[in-house]
Structure formats: C-alpha cells, structure tokens
C-alpha cells in the first residue's frame, strides 16, 4: 500500500473507497501479508497519518505486515530543481 496524507492526518479522497472497502468487506484476514509506504511531512503533527490509518486497520483484521512501514518525509526530500 502506498498512500500520502492530507489535512490533519487524513487519507486522500482517491484512496478512501479502498480503505472503506477493506474496512467493511474484508474482515478477519490472518493470511494477508502487506507492506506500507507512507508519504508525509514531519513538520505536521500527524506525520504519515494516512499510512498509519491503513496499518491500524489491517492490524485490526489480523493481517501480517511484512517489515516496518516506510515513512517518506517531504521535509527531508525537497522538490527537485528545474530541469536543465
């Protein structure tokens, strides 16, 4: 799962239907394996909140995370410069 974070630690509108579908329809998933790449900005209080929401949901369903969540910090990786 790859997701960014918007607002106050919210999911982007485009991924909310997937999140809601997993929440409403999948239920107990002990055989599911997943990984999360979360994009955020550590200057905000809810850094990588979107990824953390997905992680919490999948953990509640007993899914097994493969490795640690990769949290990419926009404040450490500024926008690239103009092309030459």
C-alpha atoms as a PDB file:
ATOM      1  CA  UNK A   1       0.000   0.000   0.000  1.00  0.00           C
ATOM      2  CA  UNK A   2       1.309   3.437  -0.902  1.00  0.00           C
ATOM      3  CA  UNK A   3      -0.520   6.488   0.404  1.00  0.00           C
ATOM      4  CA  UNK A   4       0.064  10.107   1.197  1.00  0.00           C
ATOM      5  CA  UNK A   5      -1.561  12.131   3.966  1.00  0.00           C
ATOM      6  CA  UNK A   6      -3.817  15.169   3.645  1.00  0.00           C
ATOM      7  CA  UNK A   7      -5.355  17.634   6.074  1.00  0.00           C
ATOM      8  CA  UNK A   8      -4.958  16.566   9.684  1.00  0.00           C
ATOM      9  CA  UNK A   9      -3.657  13.042   9.063  1.00  0.00           C
ATOM     10  CA  UNK A  10      -6.422  12.051   6.660  1.00  0.00           C
ATOM     11  CA  UNK A  11      -6.373   9.793   3.622  1.00  0.00           C
ATOM     12  CA  UNK A  12      -6.511  11.362   0.156  1.00  0.00           C
ATOM     13  CA  UNK A  13     -10.040  11.294  -1.305  1.00  0.00           C
ATOM     14  CA  UNK A  14      -8.945   8.960  -4.106  1.00  0.00           C
ATOM     15  CA  UNK A  15      -7.991   6.133  -1.721  1.00  0.00           C
ATOM     16  CA  UNK A  16     -10.874   6.428   0.769  1.00  0.00           C
ATOM     17  CA  UNK A  17     -13.095   3.967  -1.195  1.00  0.00           C
ATOM     18  CA  UNK A  18     -10.362   1.300  -0.989  1.00  0.00           C
ATOM     19  CA  UNK A  19      -9.909   1.908   2.743  1.00  0.00           C
ATOM     20  CA  UNK A  20     -13.672   1.753   3.331  1.00  0.00           C
ATOM     21  CA  UNK A  21     -13.997  -1.392   1.222  1.00  0.00           C
ATOM     22  CA  UNK A  22     -11.294  -3.152   3.231  1.00  0.00           C
ATOM     23  CA  UNK A  23     -12.914  -2.000   6.457  1.00  0.00           C
ATOM     24  CA  UNK A  24     -16.456  -3.015   5.501  1.00  0.00           C
ATOM     25  CA  UNK A  25     -15.938  -6.175   3.462  1.00  0.00           C
ATOM     26  CA  UNK A  26     -12.721  -7.995   4.255  1.00  0.00           C
ATOM     27  CA  UNK A  27     -12.909  -8.613   7.985  1.00  0.00           C
ATOM     28  CA  UNK A  28     -10.567 -11.146   9.575  1.00  0.00           C
ATOM     29  CA  UNK A  29      -7.512 -11.630   7.289  1.00  0.00           C
ATOM     30  CA  UNK A  30      -4.776 -13.615   9.093  1.00  0.00           C
ATOM     31  CA  UNK A  31      -3.376 -14.926   5.779  1.00  0.00           C
ATOM     32  CA  UNK A  32      -2.985 -11.456   4.237  1.00  0.00           C
ATOM     33  CA  UNK A  33       0.543 -10.040   4.007  1.00  0.00           C
ATOM     34  CA  UNK A  34       1.056  -6.350   3.346  1.00  0.00           C
ATOM     35  CA  UNK A  35       3.579  -3.540   3.312  1.00  0.00           C
ATOM     36  CA  UNK A  36       3.045   0.198   3.617  1.00  0.00           C
ATOM     37  CA  UNK A  37       4.872   3.160   2.140  1.00  0.00           C
ATOM     38  CA  UNK A  38       3.542   6.340   3.725  1.00  0.00           C
ATOM     39  CA  UNK A  39       4.235   9.830   2.427  1.00  0.00           C
ATOM     40  CA  UNK A  40       4.057  12.811   4.745  1.00  0.00           C
ATOM     41  CA  UNK A  41       5.744  15.883   6.163  1.00  0.00           C
ATOM     42  CA  UNK A  42       7.221  15.665   9.651  1.00  0.00           C
ATOM     43  CA  UNK A  43       6.619  19.375  10.243  1.00  0.00           C
ATOM     44  CA  UNK A  44       2.942  18.421  10.748  1.00  0.00           C
ATOM     45  CA  UNK A  45       1.617  16.735  13.894  1.00  0.00           C
ATOM     46  CA  UNK A  46       0.016  13.800  12.052  1.00  0.00           C
ATOM     47  CA  UNK A  47       3.096  12.758  10.071  1.00  0.00           C
ATOM     48  CA  UNK A  48       2.260   9.874   7.685  1.00  0.00           C
ATOM     49  CA  UNK A  49      -1.221   9.632   9.175  1.00  0.00           C
ATOM     50  CA  UNK A  50      -2.680   8.045   6.034  1.00  0.00           C
ATOM     51  CA  UNK A  51      -0.266   5.132   6.206  1.00  0.00           C
ATOM     52  CA  UNK A  52      -0.827   4.760   9.929  1.00  0.00           C
ATOM     53  CA  UNK A  53      -4.599   4.547   9.360  1.00  0.00           C
ATOM     54  CA  UNK A  54      -4.142   1.715   6.849  1.00  0.00           C
ATOM     55  CA  UNK A  55      -1.691  -0.056   9.143  1.00  0.00           C
ATOM     56  CA  UNK A  56      -4.067   0.132  12.113  1.00  0.00           C
ATOM     57  CA  UNK A  57      -6.982  -1.147  10.018  1.00  0.00           C
ATOM     58  CA  UNK A  58      -5.044  -4.108   8.646  1.00  0.00           C
ATOM     59  CA  UNK A  59      -3.626  -4.954  12.085  1.00  0.00           C
ATOM     60  CA  UNK A  60      -7.192  -4.976  13.479  1.00  0.00           C
ATOM     61  CA  UNK A  61      -8.028  -7.557  10.812  1.00  0.00           C
ATOM     62  CA  UNK A  62      -5.052  -9.699  11.893  1.00  0.00           C
ATOM     63  CA  UNK A  63      -3.194  -9.148   8.604  1.00  0.00           C
ATOM     64  CA  UNK A  64       0.585  -9.594   8.810  1.00  0.00           C
ATOM     65  CA  UNK A  65       2.782  -6.602   7.980  1.00  0.00           C
ATOM     66  CA  UNK A  66       5.967  -7.510   6.113  1.00  0.00           C
ATOM     67  CA  UNK A  67       8.728  -5.358   7.612  1.00  0.00           C
ATOM     68  CA  UNK A  68       8.339  -1.887   9.046  1.00  0.00           C
ATOM     69  CA  UNK A  69       6.310   0.872   7.459  1.00  0.00           C
ATOM     70  CA  UNK A  70       8.486   3.033   5.195  1.00  0.00           C
ATOM     71  CA  UNK A  71       7.749   6.665   6.042  1.00  0.00           C
ATOM     72  CA  UNK A  72       8.994   9.176   3.487  1.00  0.00           C
ATOM     73  CA  UNK A  73       9.360  12.705   4.828  1.00  0.00           C
ATOM     74  CA  UNK A  74       8.727  15.509   2.320  1.00  0.00           C
ATOM     75  CA  UNK A  75      10.613  17.964   4.538  1.00  0.00           C
ATOM     76  CA  UNK A  76      13.770  15.847   4.140  1.00  0.00           C
ATOM     77  CA  UNK A  77      13.289  15.356   0.393  1.00  0.00           C
ATOM     78  CA  UNK A  78      12.564  18.767  -1.134  1.00  0.00           C
ATOM     79  CA  UNK A  79      11.175  19.207  -4.615  1.00  0.00           C
ATOM     80  CA  UNK A  80      13.709  18.614  -7.376  1.00  0.00           C
ATOM     81  CA  UNK A  81      15.184  21.613  -9.140  1.00  0.00           C
ATOM     82  CA  UNK A  82      14.249  22.763 -12.611  1.00  0.00           C
ATOM     83  CA  UNK A  83      15.470  20.513 -15.422  1.00  0.00           C
ATOM     84  CA  UNK A  84      18.466  21.766 -17.322  1.00  0.00           C
END
